[in-house]
Amino acid sequence: MKTMELVVECQTGFLGESIPRRFFIGAKPFEVVELLDQWDGKDCWYCKVAADDGCLYILKRDKDLGFWDLAVFKEEDAGKKYDAYLLPGKKSKQAKQ
């Protein structure tokens, strides 16, 4: 089975945690438009994010090794986009039209 490489670019949160701002699955980039949730697991740190493709992702970071993995992917809900929850400095693709 072929696996895709996941690279996550982060900024540091108030408590020193890594907050995803952009990630790549293979060579395809995804901008994080909203951090929906984050929680601490036994061995991993989880971040639920909405990306600029309108889909939801749960990214997990191994606490010991520091690498990121894609835990969950969910396609956008029937026509629902997350542009209403844009992070500061982000612009909606729809707004450019």
N, C-alpha and C. Protein backbone atom coordinates (compact mmCIF):
# COMPACT_ATOMS: atom_id res chain seq x y z
N MET A 1 0.84 -1.17 0.00
CA MET A 1 0.00 0.00 0.00
C MET A 1 0.89 1.24 0.00
N LYS A 2 0.56 2.19 -0.90
CA LYS A 2 1.32 3.43 -0.98
C LYS A 2 0.73 4.44 -0.01
N THR A 3 1.59 5.10 0.74
CA THR A 3 1.12 6.14 1.66
C THR A 3 1.53 7.50 1.13
N MET A 4 0.73 8.51 1.45
CA MET A 4 1.05 9.87 1.05
C MET A 4 1.75 10.58 2.20
N GLU A 5 2.68 11.43 1.85
CA GLU A 5 3.39 12.21 2.86
C GLU A 5 2.51 13.36 3.32
N LEU A 6 2.48 13.58 4.62
CA LEU A 6 1.76 14.70 5.21
C LEU A 6 2.77 15.63 5.86
N VAL A 7 2.76 16.88 5.43
CA VAL A 7 3.63 17.91 6.02
C VAL A 7 2.71 18.99 6.57
N VAL A 8 2.94 19.38 7.83
CA VAL A 8 2.09 20.38 8.48
C VAL A 8 2.96 21.57 8.89
N GLU A 9 2.55 22.77 8.46
CA GLU A 9 3.22 24.01 8.89
C GLU A 9 2.38 24.61 10.01
N CYS A 10 3.05 24.97 11.10
CA CYS A 10 2.35 25.42 12.31
C CYS A 10 2.84 26.76 12.79
N GLN A 11 2.05 27.33 13.67
CA GLN A 11 2.49 28.46 14.48
C GLN A 11 2.32 28.01 15.92
N THR A 12 2.98 28.69 16.83
CA THR A 12 2.92 28.33 18.23
C THR A 12 1.76 29.03 18.91
N GLY A 13 0.96 28.25 19.63
CA GLY A 13 -0.17 28.78 20.38
C GLY A 13 0.27 29.40 21.70
N PHE A 14 -0.68 29.91 22.45
CA PHE A 14 -0.39 30.58 23.73
C PHE A 14 0.28 29.66 24.74
N LEU A 15 -0.04 28.37 24.70
CA LEU A 15 0.51 27.41 25.66
C LEU A 15 1.71 26.65 25.10
N GLY A 16 2.22 27.09 23.96
CA GLY A 16 3.37 26.44 23.35
C GLY A 16 3.00 25.28 22.44
N GLU A 17 1.70 25.05 22.23
CA GLU A 17 1.26 23.96 21.38
C GLU A 17 1.39 24.35 19.90
N SER A 18 1.49 23.36 19.05
CA SER A 18 1.59 23.58 17.61
C SER A 18 0.19 23.72 17.02
N ILE A 19 -0.09 24.84 16.36
CA ILE A 19 -1.38 25.10 15.73
C ILE A 19 -1.19 25.05 14.21
N PRO A 20 -1.82 24.08 13.53
CA PRO A 20 -1.67 23.98 12.07
C PRO A 20 -2.21 25.22 11.36
N ARG A 21 -1.47 25.73 10.39
CA ARG A 21 -1.91 26.86 9.55
C ARG A 21 -1.99 26.46 8.08
N ARG A 22 -1.18 25.48 7.69
CA ARG A 22 -1.17 24.97 6.32
C ARG A 22 -0.66 23.54 6.39
N PHE A 23 -1.19 22.70 5.50
CA PHE A 23 -0.65 21.35 5.42
C PHE A 23 -0.65 20.88 3.98
N PHE A 24 0.17 19.91 3.72
CA PHE A 24 0.33 19.35 2.38
C PHE A 24 0.08 17.85 2.46
N ILE A 25 -0.74 17.36 1.57
CA ILE A 25 -0.90 15.91 1.40
C ILE A 25 -0.27 15.62 0.06
N GLY A 26 0.88 14.95 0.10
CA GLY A 26 1.70 14.84 -1.10
C GLY A 26 2.16 16.24 -1.45
N ALA A 27 1.95 16.67 -2.68
CA ALA A 27 2.35 18.01 -3.11
C ALA A 27 1.20 19.01 -3.04
N LYS A 28 -0.01 18.56 -2.70
CA LYS A 28 -1.18 19.43 -2.70
C LYS A 28 -1.28 20.22 -1.40
N PRO A 29 -1.30 21.57 -1.49
CA PRO A 29 -1.39 22.40 -0.28
C PRO A 29 -2.85 22.64 0.14
N PHE A 30 -3.05 22.76 1.45
CA PHE A 30 -4.34 23.09 2.03
C PHE A 30 -4.12 24.17 3.08
N GLU A 31 -4.85 25.27 2.97
CA GLU A 31 -4.79 26.34 3.97
C GLU A 31 -5.83 26.04 5.05
N VAL A 32 -5.46 26.18 6.30
CA VAL A 32 -6.40 26.03 7.41
C VAL A 32 -7.17 27.34 7.54
N VAL A 33 -8.49 27.27 7.40
CA VAL A 33 -9.31 28.48 7.53
C VAL A 33 -9.91 28.60 8.93
N GLU A 34 -9.98 27.47 9.65
CA GLU A 34 -10.44 27.53 11.04
C GLU A 34 -9.93 26.34 11.82
N LEU A 35 -9.48 26.62 13.02
CA LEU A 35 -9.18 25.57 13.99
C LEU A 35 -10.48 25.34 14.76
N LEU A 36 -11.14 24.22 14.51
CA LEU A 36 -12.45 23.96 15.07
C LEU A 36 -12.38 23.39 16.49
N ASP A 37 -11.36 22.60 16.75
CA ASP A 37 -11.21 21.98 18.06
C ASP A 37 -9.79 21.45 18.18
N GLN A 38 -9.36 21.24 19.40
CA GLN A 38 -8.08 20.60 19.66
C GLN A 38 -8.17 19.91 21.01
N TRP A 39 -7.53 18.77 21.11
CA TRP A 39 -7.58 18.04 22.37
C TRP A 39 -6.34 17.16 22.51
N ASP A 40 -6.13 16.81 23.75
CA ASP A 40 -4.98 16.02 24.14
C ASP A 40 -5.40 14.57 24.30
N GLY A 41 -4.72 13.67 23.59
CA GLY A 41 -4.96 12.24 23.74
C GLY A 41 -3.82 11.62 24.54
N LYS A 42 -3.87 10.32 24.71
CA LYS A 42 -2.84 9.63 25.49
C LYS A 42 -1.45 9.80 24.88
N ASP A 43 -1.34 9.55 23.58
CA ASP A 43 -0.05 9.61 22.90
C ASP A 43 0.05 10.70 21.84
N CYS A 44 -1.08 11.34 21.54
CA CYS A 44 -1.12 12.31 20.43
C CYS A 44 -1.87 13.57 20.84
N TRP A 45 -1.58 14.65 20.10
CA TRP A 45 -2.30 15.91 20.20
C TRP A 45 -3.14 16.01 18.93
N TYR A 46 -4.43 16.29 19.04
CA TYR A 46 -5.34 16.30 17.90
C TYR A 46 -5.81 17.72 17.60
N CYS A 47 -5.93 18.02 16.32
CA CYS A 47 -6.47 19.30 15.86
C CYS A 47 -7.50 19.03 14.77
N LYS A 48 -8.72 19.50 14.99
CA LYS A 48 -9.79 19.41 13.99
C LYS A 48 -9.81 20.74 13.26
N VAL A 49 -9.62 20.70 11.94
CA VAL A 49 -9.53 21.93 11.17
C VAL A 49 -10.45 21.89 9.96
N ALA A 50 -10.89 23.08 9.54
CA ALA A 50 -11.58 23.27 8.27
C ALA A 50 -10.53 23.84 7.32
N ALA A 51 -10.44 23.26 6.13
CA ALA A 51 -9.46 23.71 5.15
C ALA A 51 -10.14 24.49 4.03
N ASP A 52 -9.32 25.13 3.21
CA ASP A 52 -9.84 25.99 2.14
C ASP A 52 -10.55 25.22 1.03
N ASP A 53 -10.52 23.88 1.07
CA ASP A 53 -11.27 23.09 0.10
C ASP A 53 -12.68 22.79 0.59
N GLY A 54 -13.05 23.33 1.79
CA GLY A 54 -14.38 23.11 2.34
C GLY A 54 -14.53 21.81 3.10
N CYS A 55 -13.46 21.07 3.27
CA CYS A 55 -13.51 19.78 3.96
C CYS A 55 -12.96 19.90 5.38
N LEU A 56 -13.30 18.90 6.19
CA LEU A 56 -12.83 18.83 7.57
C LEU A 56 -11.73 17.79 7.68
N TYR A 57 -10.75 18.08 8.50
CA TYR A 57 -9.62 17.17 8.73
C TYR A 57 -9.33 17.11 10.22
N ILE A 58 -8.98 15.94 10.70
CA ILE A 58 -8.42 15.81 12.04
C ILE A 58 -6.98 15.37 11.86
N LEU A 59 -6.09 16.26 12.28
CA LEU A 59 -4.66 16.01 12.20
C LEU A 59 -4.18 15.62 13.59
N LYS A 60 -3.32 14.62 13.67
CA LYS A 60 -2.79 14.24 14.98
C LYS A 60 -1.27 14.29 14.96
N ARG A 61 -0.73 14.75 16.08
CA ARG A 61 0.72 14.88 16.23
C ARG A 61 1.19 13.96 17.34
N ASP A 62 2.09 13.06 17.01
CA ASP A 62 2.66 12.14 17.99
C ASP A 62 3.47 12.93 19.02
N LYS A 63 3.15 12.76 20.29
CA LYS A 63 3.81 13.53 21.35
C LYS A 63 5.30 13.20 21.48
N ASP A 64 5.64 11.94 21.33
CA ASP A 64 7.04 11.53 21.51
C ASP A 64 7.90 11.77 20.28
N LEU A 65 7.38 11.42 19.12
CA LEU A 65 8.17 11.51 17.89
C LEU A 65 8.00 12.83 17.15
N GLY A 66 6.87 13.54 17.41
CA GLY A 66 6.65 14.84 16.80
C GLY A 66 6.11 14.83 15.39
N PHE A 67 5.87 13.66 14.80
CA PHE A 67 5.37 13.65 13.43
C PHE A 67 3.85 13.77 13.40
N TRP A 68 3.34 14.28 12.27
CA TRP A 68 1.91 14.47 12.05
C TRP A 68 1.35 13.35 11.20
N ASP A 69 0.08 13.05 11.40
CA ASP A 69 -0.63 12.05 10.61
C ASP A 69 -2.06 12.54 10.41
N LEU A 70 -2.69 12.08 9.33
CA LEU A 70 -4.09 12.40 9.07
C LEU A 70 -4.95 11.34 9.73
N ALA A 71 -5.73 11.73 10.75
CA ALA A 71 -6.56 10.78 11.48
C ALA A 71 -7.93 10.62 10.82
N VAL A 72 -8.53 11.74 10.38
CA VAL A 72 -9.88 11.71 9.80
C VAL A 72 -9.98 12.75 8.70
N PHE A 73 -10.72 12.40 7.65
CA PHE A 73 -11.04 13.32 6.56
C PHE A 73 -12.53 13.24 6.32
N LYS A 74 -13.20 14.39 6.20
CA LYS A 74 -14.63 14.41 5.90
C LYS A 74 -14.89 15.45 4.83
N GLU A 75 -15.56 15.01 3.75
CA GLU A 75 -15.90 15.95 2.69
C GLU A 75 -16.89 16.97 3.20
N GLU A 76 -16.93 18.12 2.51
CA GLU A 76 -17.84 19.19 2.93
C GLU A 76 -19.28 18.70 2.95
N ASP A 77 -20.06 19.25 3.86
CA ASP A 77 -21.49 18.95 3.93
C ASP A 77 -22.17 19.66 2.77
N ALA A 78 -23.19 19.06 2.24
CA ALA A 78 -23.94 19.56 1.09
C ALA A 78 -23.92 21.07 0.93
N GLY A 79 -22.93 21.57 0.25
CA GLY A 79 -22.86 22.99 -0.06
C GLY A 79 -22.34 23.86 1.06
N LYS A 80 -22.15 23.33 2.25
CA LYS A 80 -21.70 24.16 3.38
C LYS A 80 -20.20 24.41 3.25
N LYS A 81 -19.85 25.65 3.27
CA LYS A 81 -18.44 26.04 3.28
C LYS A 81 -18.13 26.68 4.62
N TYR A 82 -16.87 26.79 4.93
CA TYR A 82 -16.47 27.31 6.23
C TYR A 82 -15.90 28.71 6.12
N ASP A 83 -16.24 29.44 5.06
CA ASP A 83 -15.72 30.79 4.86
C ASP A 83 -16.16 31.74 5.97
N ALA A 84 -17.25 31.45 6.65
CA ALA A 84 -17.72 32.31 7.74
C ALA A 84 -16.77 32.26 8.93
N TYR A 85 -15.88 31.30 8.96
CA TYR A 85 -15.00 31.11 10.09
C TYR A 85 -13.54 31.35 9.72
N LEU A 86 -13.30 32.25 8.81
CA LEU A 86 -11.94 32.49 8.34
C LEU A 86 -11.04 33.01 9.45
N LEU A 87 -9.81 32.55 9.43
CA LEU A 87 -8.82 33.06 10.37
C LEU A 87 -8.41 34.46 9.94
N PRO A 88 -7.93 35.27 10.86
CA PRO A 88 -7.48 36.62 10.49
C PRO A 88 -6.46 36.58 9.36
N GLY A 89 -6.64 37.43 8.39
CA GLY A 89 -5.69 37.50 7.28
C GLY A 89 -6.01 36.55 6.13
N LYS A 90 -7.00 35.67 6.29
CA LYS A 90 -7.36 34.73 5.22
C LYS A 90 -8.48 35.35 4.39
N LYS A 91 -8.47 35.06 3.10
CA LYS A 91 -9.51 35.56 2.22
C LYS A 91 -10.25 34.39 1.58
N SER A 92 -11.52 34.54 1.47
CA SER A 92 -12.36 33.51 0.86
C SER A 92 -12.08 33.44 -0.63
N LYS A 93 -12.04 32.21 -1.16
CA LYS A 93 -11.92 32.04 -2.60
C LYS A 93 -13.16 32.62 -3.29
N GLN A 94 -14.31 32.49 -2.65
CA GLN A 94 -15.56 32.99 -3.23
C GLN A 94 -15.52 34.52 -3.32
N ALA A 95 -14.86 35.17 -2.40
CA ALA A 95 -14.81 36.63 -2.39
C ALA A 95 -14.00 37.18 -3.57
N LYS A 96 -13.13 36.37 -4.15
CA LYS A 96 -12.30 36.82 -5.28
C LYS A 96 -13.07 36.85 -6.58
N GLN A 97 -14.21 36.18 -6.63
CA GLN A 97 -14.96 36.08 -7.88
C GLN A 97 -15.66 37.36 -8.23
